[in-house]
Amino acid sequence: MEKNKCCKKTTHRKEEEKKTINNRINRIEGQLRGVKKMIEEDAYCNDVLIQLSAIENSVKSLSNCVLQNHLYSCVTKDLKNGNLEIIDELISLFKKFNKP
């Protein structure tokens, strides 16, 4: 499989789901801006690292939210329609999630 190859599939998301995801992304962007400001203001490394860890946890939480929605919507639909290729897609996805 090509690196950075994007699937041609799409996912229809309800407005509430989009709003939730966008709110989380906005929070993460705010956290990143905060770290940038900390660097500009010569904040102590330990404090910066703690904030970076918080950002990492926020991104993981968002990823888990999107994954959960994917399992309940896209994967369920594909399995009901007999598309077992979705299992290979999930295996590949989990391998990417579990990279160090």
C-alpha atoms as a PDB file:
ATOM      1  CA  MET A   1       0.000   0.000   0.000  1.00  0.00           C
ATOM      2  CA  GLU A   2       1.311   3.475  -0.900  1.00  0.00           C
ATOM      3  CA  LYS A   3       2.291   5.737   1.941  1.00  0.00           C
ATOM      4  CA  ASN A   4      -0.164   8.637   2.451  1.00  0.00           C
ATOM      5  CA  LYS A   5      -2.610   7.081  -0.006  1.00  0.00           C
ATOM      6  CA  CYS A   6      -6.050   8.449   0.743  1.00  0.00           C
ATOM      7  CA  CYS A   7      -9.128   6.322   0.367  1.00  0.00           C
ATOM      8  CA  LYS A   8     -11.802   7.528  -2.057  1.00  0.00           C
ATOM      9  CA  LYS A   9     -14.584   6.607   0.375  1.00  0.00           C
ATOM     10  CA  THR A  10     -16.502   9.246   2.270  1.00  0.00           C
ATOM     11  CA  THR A  11     -18.331   9.258   5.581  1.00  0.00           C
ATOM     12  CA  HIS A  12     -21.533  11.172   6.149  1.00  0.00           C
ATOM     13  CA  ARG A  13     -21.459  12.612   9.655  1.00  0.00           C
ATOM     14  CA  LYS A  14     -24.386  14.095  11.511  1.00  0.00           C
ATOM     15  CA  GLU A  15     -24.076  17.780  12.354  1.00  0.00           C
ATOM     16  CA  GLU A  16     -23.824  16.971  16.080  1.00  0.00           C
ATOM     17  CA  GLU A  17     -20.863  14.656  15.453  1.00  0.00           C
ATOM     18  CA  LYS A  18     -19.148  17.280  13.283  1.00  0.00           C
ATOM     19  CA  LYS A  19     -19.690  19.879  15.983  1.00  0.00           C
ATOM     20  CA  THR A  20     -18.208  17.609  18.672  1.00  0.00           C
ATOM     21  CA  ILE A  21     -15.161  16.785  16.532  1.00  0.00           C
ATOM     22  CA  ASN A  22     -14.611  20.408  15.539  1.00  0.00           C
ATOM     23  CA  ASN A  23     -14.859  21.537  19.175  1.00  0.00           C
ATOM     24  CA  ARG A  24     -12.160  19.036  20.129  1.00  0.00           C
ATOM     25  CA  ILE A  25      -9.966  20.149  17.227  1.00  0.00           C
ATOM     26  CA  ASN A  26     -10.397  23.786  18.258  1.00  0.00           C
ATOM     27  CA  ARG A  27      -9.301  22.882  21.802  1.00  0.00           C
ATOM     28  CA  ILE A  28      -6.239  21.071  20.459  1.00  0.00           C
ATOM     29  CA  GLU A  29      -5.361  24.049  18.261  1.00  0.00           C
ATOM     30  CA  GLY A  30      -5.634  26.265  21.349  1.00  0.00           C
ATOM     31  CA  GLN A  31      -3.328  23.950  23.263  1.00  0.00           C
ATOM     32  CA  LEU A  32      -0.792  24.098  20.416  1.00  0.00           C
ATOM     33  CA  ARG A  33      -0.954  27.892  20.332  1.00  0.00           C
ATOM     34  CA  GLY A  34      -0.358  27.849  24.093  1.00  0.00           C
ATOM     35  CA  VAL A  35       2.784  25.734  23.684  1.00  0.00           C
ATOM     36  CA  LYS A  36       4.004  28.017  20.915  1.00  0.00           C
ATOM     37  CA  LYS A  37       3.570  30.983  23.262  1.00  0.00           C
ATOM     38  CA  MET A  38       5.368  29.099  26.031  1.00  0.00           C
ATOM     39  CA  ILE A  39       8.337  28.555  23.716  1.00  0.00           C
ATOM     40  CA  GLU A  40       8.346  32.220  22.674  1.00  0.00           C
ATOM     41  CA  GLU A  41       8.321  33.204  26.362  1.00  0.00           C
ATOM     42  CA  ASP A  42      11.122  30.755  27.262  1.00  0.00           C
ATOM     43  CA  ALA A  43       8.954  28.620  29.530  1.00  0.00           C
ATOM     44  CA  TYR A  44      10.659  25.875  31.507  1.00  0.00           C
ATOM     45  CA  CYS A  45      11.126  22.643  29.496  1.00  0.00           C
ATOM     46  CA  ASN A  46       9.264  20.545  32.043  1.00  0.00           C
ATOM     47  CA  ASP A  47       6.187  22.776  31.747  1.00  0.00           C
ATOM     48  CA  VAL A  48       6.295  22.614  27.944  1.00  0.00           C
ATOM     49  CA  LEU A  49       6.623  18.822  28.014  1.00  0.00           C
ATOM     50  CA  ILE A  50       3.621  18.522  30.335  1.00  0.00           C
ATOM     51  CA  GLN A  51       1.540  20.580  27.922  1.00  0.00           C
ATOM     52  CA  LEU A  52       2.764  18.504  24.960  1.00  0.00           C
ATOM     53  CA  SER A  53       1.710  15.364  26.810  1.00  0.00           C
ATOM     54  CA  ALA A  54      -1.732  16.880  27.344  1.00  0.00           C
ATOM     55  CA  ILE A  55      -1.972  17.622  23.616  1.00  0.00           C
ATOM     56  CA  GLU A  56      -0.951  14.072  22.770  1.00  0.00           C
ATOM     57  CA  ASN A  57      -3.675  12.744  25.080  1.00  0.00           C
ATOM     58  CA  SER A  58      -6.234  15.084  23.511  1.00  0.00           C
ATOM     59  CA  VAL A  59      -5.337  13.864  20.019  1.00  0.00           C
ATOM     60  CA  LYS A  60      -5.546  10.223  21.139  1.00  0.00           C
ATOM     61  CA  SER A  61      -8.941  10.875  22.692  1.00  0.00           C
ATOM     62  CA  LEU A  62     -10.167  12.471  19.471  1.00  0.00           C
ATOM     63  CA  SER A  63      -8.809   9.536  17.460  1.00  0.00           C
ATOM     64  CA  ASN A  64     -10.640   7.103  19.710  1.00  0.00           C
ATOM     65  CA  CYS A  65     -13.871   9.066  19.283  1.00  0.00           C
ATOM     66  CA  VAL A  66     -13.569   8.973  15.482  1.00  0.00           C
ATOM     67  CA  LEU A  67     -12.636   5.277  15.613  1.00  0.00           C
ATOM     68  CA  GLN A  68     -15.662   4.460  17.742  1.00  0.00           C
ATOM     69  CA  ASN A  69     -17.963   6.276  15.337  1.00  0.00           C
ATOM     70  CA  HIS A  70     -16.272   4.485  12.429  1.00  0.00           C
ATOM     71  CA  LEU A  71     -16.890   1.089  14.016  1.00  0.00           C
ATOM     72  CA  TYR A  72     -20.537   1.826  14.757  1.00  0.00           C
ATOM     73  CA  SER A  73     -21.281   3.351  11.356  1.00  0.00           C
ATOM     74  CA  CYS A  74     -19.000   2.501   8.432  1.00  0.00           C
ATOM     75  CA  VAL A  75     -17.734  -0.882   9.604  1.00  0.00           C
ATOM     76  CA  THR A  76     -21.157  -2.077  10.729  1.00  0.00           C
ATOM     77  CA  LYS A  77     -22.686  -1.016   7.413  1.00  0.00           C
ATOM     78  CA  ASP A  78     -19.977  -2.753   5.378  1.00  0.00           C
ATOM     79  CA  LEU A  79     -20.283  -5.974   7.359  1.00  0.00           C
ATOM     80  CA  LYS A  80     -24.076  -5.976   6.971  1.00  0.00           C
ATOM     81  CA  ASN A  81     -23.560  -5.538   3.220  1.00  0.00           C
ATOM     82  CA  GLY A  82     -21.151  -8.485   3.119  1.00  0.00           C
ATOM     83  CA  ASN A  83     -18.021  -6.402   2.512  1.00  0.00           C
ATOM     84  CA  LEU A  84     -15.417  -8.394   4.418  1.00  0.00           C
ATOM     85  CA  GLU A  85     -12.577  -6.252   3.000  1.00  0.00           C
ATOM     86  CA  ILE A  86     -13.397  -3.861   5.827  1.00  0.00           C
ATOM     87  CA  ILE A  87     -11.661  -6.309   8.181  1.00  0.00           C
ATOM     88  CA  ASP A  88      -8.364  -5.879   6.283  1.00  0.00           C
ATOM     89  CA  GLU A  89      -8.866  -2.121   6.450  1.00  0.00           C
ATOM     90  CA  LEU A  90      -9.356  -2.323  10.223  1.00  0.00           C
ATOM     91  CA  ILE A  91      -6.282  -4.503  10.711  1.00  0.00           C
ATOM     92  CA  SER A  92      -4.202  -1.957   8.791  1.00  0.00           C
ATOM     93  CA  LEU A  93      -5.721   0.849  10.835  1.00  0.00           C
ATOM     94  CA  PHE A  94      -4.959  -0.847  14.155  1.00  0.00           C
ATOM     95  CA  LYS A  95      -1.367  -1.455  13.042  1.00  0.00           C
ATOM     96  CA  LYS A  96      -1.001   2.294  12.397  1.00  0.00           C
ATOM     97  CA  PHE A  97      -2.570   3.093  15.770  1.00  0.00           C
ATOM     98  CA  ASN A  98      -0.117   0.840  17.569  1.00  0.00           C
ATOM     99  CA  LYS A  99       3.102   2.163  16.029  1.00  0.00           C
ATOM    100  CA  PRO A 100       5.533   3.498  18.613  1.00  0.00           C
END
